[in-house]
């Protein structure tokens, strides 16, 4: 669940960042994908850390 939330929030943040910098639609898509992947990876690490702490 944390991974999905991270991916979605990262995509939104990335899209808004590119839009604020007046990027083209391709720039917005690229930023959204990049931020989404990065935040999903952070969420994955957080999920693994929480799971290992509970066991």
PDB file of N, CA and C in Angstrom:
ATOM      1  N   UNK A   1       0.821  -1.187   0.000  1.00  0.00           N
ATOM      2  CA  UNK A   1       0.000   0.000   0.000  1.00  0.00           C
ATOM      3  C   UNK A   1       0.874   1.264   0.000  1.00  0.00           C
ATOM      4  N   UNK A   2       1.958   1.214   0.738  1.00  0.00           N
ATOM      5  CA  UNK A   2       2.860   2.367   0.782  1.00  0.00           C
ATOM      6  C   UNK A   2       3.487   2.605  -0.591  1.00  0.00           C
ATOM      7  N   UNK A   3       3.776   1.529  -1.308  1.00  0.00           N
ATOM      8  CA  UNK A   3       4.404   1.652  -2.623  1.00  0.00           C
ATOM      9  C   UNK A   3       3.444   2.336  -3.601  1.00  0.00           C
ATOM     10  N   UNK A   4       2.185   1.931  -3.571  1.00  0.00           N
ATOM     11  CA  UNK A   4       1.194   2.520  -4.475  1.00  0.00           C
ATOM     12  C   UNK A   4       0.997   3.997  -4.148  1.00  0.00           C
ATOM     13  N   UNK A   5       0.881   4.308  -2.857  1.00  0.00           N
ATOM     14  CA  UNK A   5       0.735   5.708  -2.448  1.00  0.00           C
ATOM     15  C   UNK A   5       1.955   6.526  -2.880  1.00  0.00           C
ATOM     16  N   UNK A   6       3.141   5.958  -2.720  1.00  0.00           N
ATOM     17  CA  UNK A   6       4.359   6.659  -3.125  1.00  0.00           C
ATOM     18  C   UNK A   6       4.408   6.902  -4.622  1.00  0.00           C
ATOM     19  N   UNK A   7       4.022   5.905  -5.398  1.00  0.00           N
ATOM     20  CA  UNK A   7       4.045   6.053  -6.857  1.00  0.00           C
ATOM     21  C   UNK A   7       3.053   7.118  -7.316  1.00  0.00           C
ATOM     22  N   UNK A   8       1.854   7.090  -6.764  1.00  0.00           N
ATOM     23  CA  UNK A   8       0.842   8.070  -7.167  1.00  0.00           C
ATOM     24  C   UNK A   8       1.215   9.487  -6.734  1.00  0.00           C
ATOM     25  N   UNK A   9       1.659   9.623  -5.499  1.00  0.00           N
ATOM     26  CA  UNK A   9       2.028  10.967  -5.033  1.00  0.00           C
ATOM     27  C   UNK A   9       3.257  11.478  -5.768  1.00  0.00           C
ATOM     28  N   UNK A  10       4.195  10.599  -6.076  1.00  0.00           N
ATOM     29  CA  UNK A  10       5.369  11.015  -6.838  1.00  0.00           C
ATOM     30  C   UNK A  10       5.010  11.456  -8.239  1.00  0.00           C
ATOM     31  N   UNK A  11       4.084  10.745  -8.871  1.00  0.00           N
ATOM     32  CA  UNK A  11       3.654  11.135 -10.216  1.00  0.00           C
ATOM     33  C   UNK A  11       2.961  12.497 -10.200  1.00  0.00           C
ATOM     34  N   UNK A  12       2.152  12.724  -9.182  1.00  0.00           N
ATOM     35  CA  UNK A  12       1.469  14.019  -9.079  1.00  0.00           C
ATOM     36  C   UNK A  12       2.477  15.133  -8.836  1.00  0.00           C
ATOM     37  N   UNK A  13       3.395  14.915  -7.917  1.00  0.00           N
ATOM     38  CA  UNK A  13       4.405  15.936  -7.618  1.00  0.00           C
ATOM     39  C   UNK A  13       5.277  16.199  -8.838  1.00  0.00           C
ATOM     40  N   UNK A  14       5.684  15.145  -9.532  1.00  0.00           N
ATOM     41  CA  UNK A  14       6.507  15.309 -10.722  1.00  0.00           C
ATOM     42  C   UNK A  14       5.785  16.052 -11.829  1.00  0.00           C
ATOM     43  N   UNK A  15       4.526  15.710 -12.049  1.00  0.00           N
ATOM     44  CA  UNK A  15       3.749  16.405 -13.069  1.00  0.00           C
ATOM     45  C   UNK A  15       3.560  17.877 -12.750  1.00  0.00           C
ATOM     46  N   UNK A  16       3.282  18.163 -11.486  1.00  0.00           N
ATOM     47  CA  UNK A  16       3.111  19.566 -11.092  1.00  0.00           C
ATOM     48  C   UNK A  16       4.425  20.341 -11.181  1.00  0.00           C
ATOM     49  N   UNK A  17       5.526  19.685 -10.846  1.00  0.00           N
ATOM     50  CA  UNK A  17       6.837  20.345 -10.941  1.00  0.00           C
ATOM     51  C   UNK A  17       7.155  20.712 -12.384  1.00  0.00           C
ATOM     52  N   UNK A  18       6.935  19.776 -13.297  1.00  0.00           N
ATOM     53  CA  UNK A  18       7.214  20.061 -14.703  1.00  0.00           C
ATOM     54  C   UNK A  18       6.259  21.119 -15.253  1.00  0.00           C
ATOM     55  N   UNK A  19       5.006  21.059 -14.822  1.00  0.00           N
ATOM     56  CA  UNK A  19       4.038  22.066 -15.283  1.00  0.00           C
ATOM     57  C   UNK A  19       4.414  23.453 -14.782  1.00  0.00           C
ATOM     58  N   UNK A  20       4.875  23.533 -13.526  1.00  0.00           N
ATOM     59  CA  UNK A  20       5.281  24.812 -12.954  1.00  0.00           C
ATOM     60  C   UNK A  20       6.487  25.391 -13.691  1.00  0.00           C
ATOM     61  N   UNK A  21       7.350  24.503 -14.209  1.00  0.00           N
ATOM     62  CA  UNK A  21       8.523  24.956 -14.960  1.00  0.00           C
ATOM     63  C   UNK A  21       8.207  25.178 -16.432  1.00  0.00           C
ATOM     64  N   UNK A  22       6.922  25.139 -16.770  1.00  0.00           N
ATOM     65  CA  UNK A  22       6.429  25.376 -18.129  1.00  0.00           C
ATOM     66  C   UNK A  22       6.974  24.366 -19.130  1.00  0.00           C
ATOM     67  N   UNK A  23       6.929  23.086 -18.751  1.00  0.00           N
ATOM     68  CA  UNK A  23       7.404  22.018 -19.621  1.00  0.00           C
ATOM     69  C   UNK A  23       6.347  21.598 -20.623  1.00  0.00           C
ATOM     70  N   UNK A  24       6.804  20.964 -21.671  1.00  0.00           N
ATOM     71  CA  UNK A  24       5.894  20.431 -22.680  1.00  0.00           C
ATOM     72  C   UNK A  24       5.198  19.191 -22.104  1.00  0.00           C
ATOM     73  N   UNK A  25       4.161  18.699 -22.784  1.00  0.00           N
ATOM     74  CA  UNK A  25       3.498  17.484 -22.287  1.00  0.00           C
ATOM     75  C   UNK A  25       4.451  16.290 -22.147  1.00  0.00           C
ATOM     76  N   UNK A  26       5.440  16.193 -23.026  1.00  0.00           N
ATOM     77  CA  UNK A  26       6.422  15.110 -22.899  1.00  0.00           C
ATOM     78  C   UNK A  26       7.275  15.303 -21.639  1.00  0.00           C
ATOM     79  N   UNK A  27       7.634  16.540 -21.326  1.00  0.00           N
ATOM     80  CA  UNK A  27       8.387  16.815 -20.101  1.00  0.00           C
ATOM     81  C   UNK A  27       7.565  16.457 -18.867  1.00  0.00           C
ATOM     82  N   UNK A  28       6.288  16.805 -18.895  1.00  0.00           N
ATOM     83  CA  UNK A  28       5.415  16.513 -17.761  1.00  0.00           C
ATOM     84  C   UNK A  28       5.318  15.009 -17.558  1.00  0.00           C
ATOM     85  N   UNK A  29       5.159  14.263 -18.647  1.00  0.00           N
ATOM     86  CA  UNK A  29       5.068  12.802 -18.541  1.00  0.00           C
ATOM     87  C   UNK A  29       6.375  12.204 -18.023  1.00  0.00           C
ATOM     88  N   UNK A  30       7.499  12.736 -18.492  1.00  0.00           N
ATOM     89  CA  UNK A  30       8.781  12.209 -18.060  1.00  0.00           C
ATOM     90  C   UNK A  30       9.023  12.501 -16.583  1.00  0.00           C
ATOM     91  N   UNK A  31       8.716  13.699 -16.139  1.00  0.00           N
ATOM     92  CA  UNK A  31       8.879  14.037 -14.720  1.00  0.00           C
ATOM     93  C   UNK A  31       7.950  13.181 -13.868  1.00  0.00           C
ATOM     94  N   UNK A  32       6.708  13.002 -14.318  1.00  0.00           N
ATOM     95  CA  UNK A  32       5.752  12.201 -13.560  1.00  0.00           C
ATOM     96  C   UNK A  32       6.253  10.762 -13.433  1.00  0.00           C
ATOM     97  N   UNK A  33       6.770  10.206 -14.517  1.00  0.00           N
ATOM     98  CA  UNK A  33       7.275   8.834 -14.471  1.00  0.00           C
ATOM     99  C   UNK A  33       8.509   8.737 -13.568  1.00  0.00           C
ATOM    100  N   UNK A  34       9.413   9.660 -13.706  1.00  0.00           N
ATOM    101  CA  UNK A  34      10.635   9.631 -12.902  1.00  0.00           C
ATOM    102  C   UNK A  34      10.363   9.781 -11.418  1.00  0.00           C
ATOM    103  N   UNK A  35       9.540  10.761 -11.051  1.00  0.00           N
ATOM    104  CA  UNK A  35       9.210  10.968  -9.650  1.00  0.00           C
ATOM    105  C   UNK A  35       8.400   9.790  -9.118  1.00  0.00           C
ATOM    106  N   UNK A  36       7.496   9.256  -9.943  1.00  0.00           N
ATOM    107  CA  UNK A  36       6.699   8.114  -9.520  1.00  0.00           C
ATOM    108  C   UNK A  36       7.562   6.906  -9.212  1.00  0.00           C
ATOM    109  N   UNK A  37       8.522   6.626 -10.066  1.00  0.00           N
ATOM    110  CA  UNK A  37       9.423   5.497  -9.833  1.00  0.00           C
ATOM    111  C   UNK A  37      10.267   5.730  -8.584  1.00  0.00           C
ATOM    112  N   UNK A  38      10.787   6.935  -8.434  1.00  0.00           N
ATOM    113  CA  UNK A  38      11.628   7.243  -7.274  1.00  0.00           C
ATOM    114  C   UNK A  38      10.843   7.113  -5.969  1.00  0.00           C
ATOM    115  N   UNK A  39       9.630   7.661  -5.930  1.00  0.00           N
ATOM    116  CA  UNK A  39       8.831   7.587  -4.709  1.00  0.00           C
ATOM    117  C   UNK A  39       8.369   6.163  -4.442  1.00  0.00           C
ATOM    118  N   UNK A  40       8.093   5.390  -5.488  1.00  0.00           N
ATOM    119  CA  UNK A  40       7.714   3.988  -5.301  1.00  0.00           C
ATOM    120  C   UNK A  40       8.876   3.196  -4.702  1.00  0.00           C
ATOM    121  N   UNK A  41      10.080   3.496  -5.145  1.00  0.00           N
ATOM    122  CA  UNK A  41      11.256   2.826  -4.595  1.00  0.00           C
ATOM    123  C   UNK A  41      11.440   3.173  -3.118  1.00  0.00           C
ATOM    124  N   UNK A  42      11.239   4.422  -2.769  1.00  0.00           N
ATOM    125  CA  UNK A  42      11.314   4.829  -1.367  1.00  0.00           C
ATOM    126  C   UNK A  42      10.231   4.126  -0.556  1.00  0.00           C
ATOM    127  N   UNK A  43       9.026   4.015  -1.128  1.00  0.00           N
ATOM    128  CA  UNK A  43       7.939   3.302  -0.457  1.00  0.00           C
ATOM    129  C   UNK A  43       8.246   1.831  -0.277  1.00  0.00           C
ATOM    130  N   UNK A  44       8.899   1.231  -1.262  1.00  0.00           N
ATOM    131  CA  UNK A  44       9.276  -0.178  -1.162  1.00  0.00           C
ATOM    132  C   UNK A  44      10.271  -0.383  -0.025  1.00  0.00           C
ATOM    133  N   UNK A  45      11.251   0.485   0.071  1.00  0.00           N
ATOM    134  CA  UNK A  45      12.237   0.391   1.148  1.00  0.00           C
ATOM    135  C   UNK A  45      11.558   0.584   2.504  1.00  0.00           C
ATOM    136  N   UNK A  46      10.626   1.537   2.580  1.00  0.00           N
ATOM    137  CA  UNK A  46       9.905   1.761   3.840  1.00  0.00           C
ATOM    138  C   UNK A  46       9.059   0.548   4.208  1.00  0.00           C
ATOM    139  N   UNK A  47       8.426  -0.078   3.212  1.00  0.00           N
ATOM    140  CA  UNK A  47       7.610  -1.255   3.474  1.00  0.00           C
ATOM    141  C   UNK A  47       8.465  -2.406   3.997  1.00  0.00           C
ATOM    142  N   UNK A  48       9.597  -2.624   3.380  1.00  0.00           N
ATOM    143  CA  UNK A  48      10.491  -3.699   3.831  1.00  0.00           C
ATOM    144  C   UNK A  48      10.998  -3.422   5.232  1.00  0.00           C
ATOM    145  N   UNK A  49      11.359  -2.175   5.511  1.00  0.00           N
ATOM    146  CA  UNK A  49      11.852  -1.820   6.848  1.00  0.00           C
ATOM    147  C   UNK A  49      10.771  -2.017   7.901  1.00  0.00           C
ATOM    148  N   UNK A  50       9.540  -1.611   7.600  1.00  0.00           N
ATOM    149  CA  UNK A  50       8.448  -1.792   8.559  1.00  0.00           C
ATOM    150  C   UNK A  50       8.150  -3.277   8.771  1.00  0.00           C
ATOM    151  N   UNK A  51       8.164  -4.038   7.711  1.00  0.00           N
ATOM    152  CA  UNK A  51       7.887  -5.459   7.835  1.00  0.00           C
ATOM    153  C   UNK A  51       8.953  -6.152   8.676  1.00  0.00           C
ATOM    154  N   UNK A  52      10.195  -5.817   8.462  1.00  0.00           N
ATOM    155  CA  UNK A  52      11.280  -6.440   9.219  1.00  0.00           C
ATOM    156  C   UNK A  52      11.254  -5.994  10.679  1.00  0.00           C
ATOM    157  N   UNK A  53      10.786  -4.771  10.952  1.00  0.00           N
ATOM    158  CA  UNK A  53      10.729  -4.301  12.319  1.00  0.00           C
ATOM    159  C   UNK A  53       9.620  -4.987  13.106  1.00  0.00           C
ATOM    160  N   UNK A  54       8.557  -5.389  12.415  1.00  0.00           N
ATOM    161  CA  UNK A  54       7.432  -6.038  13.082  1.00  0.00           C
ATOM    162  C   UNK A  54       7.688  -7.513  13.341  1.00  0.00           C
ATOM    163  N   UNK A  55       8.581  -8.113  12.598  1.00  0.00           N
ATOM    164  CA  UNK A  55       8.818  -9.570  12.740  1.00  0.00           C
ATOM    165  C   UNK A  55       9.904  -9.843  13.729  1.00  0.00           C
TER     166      UNK A  55
END
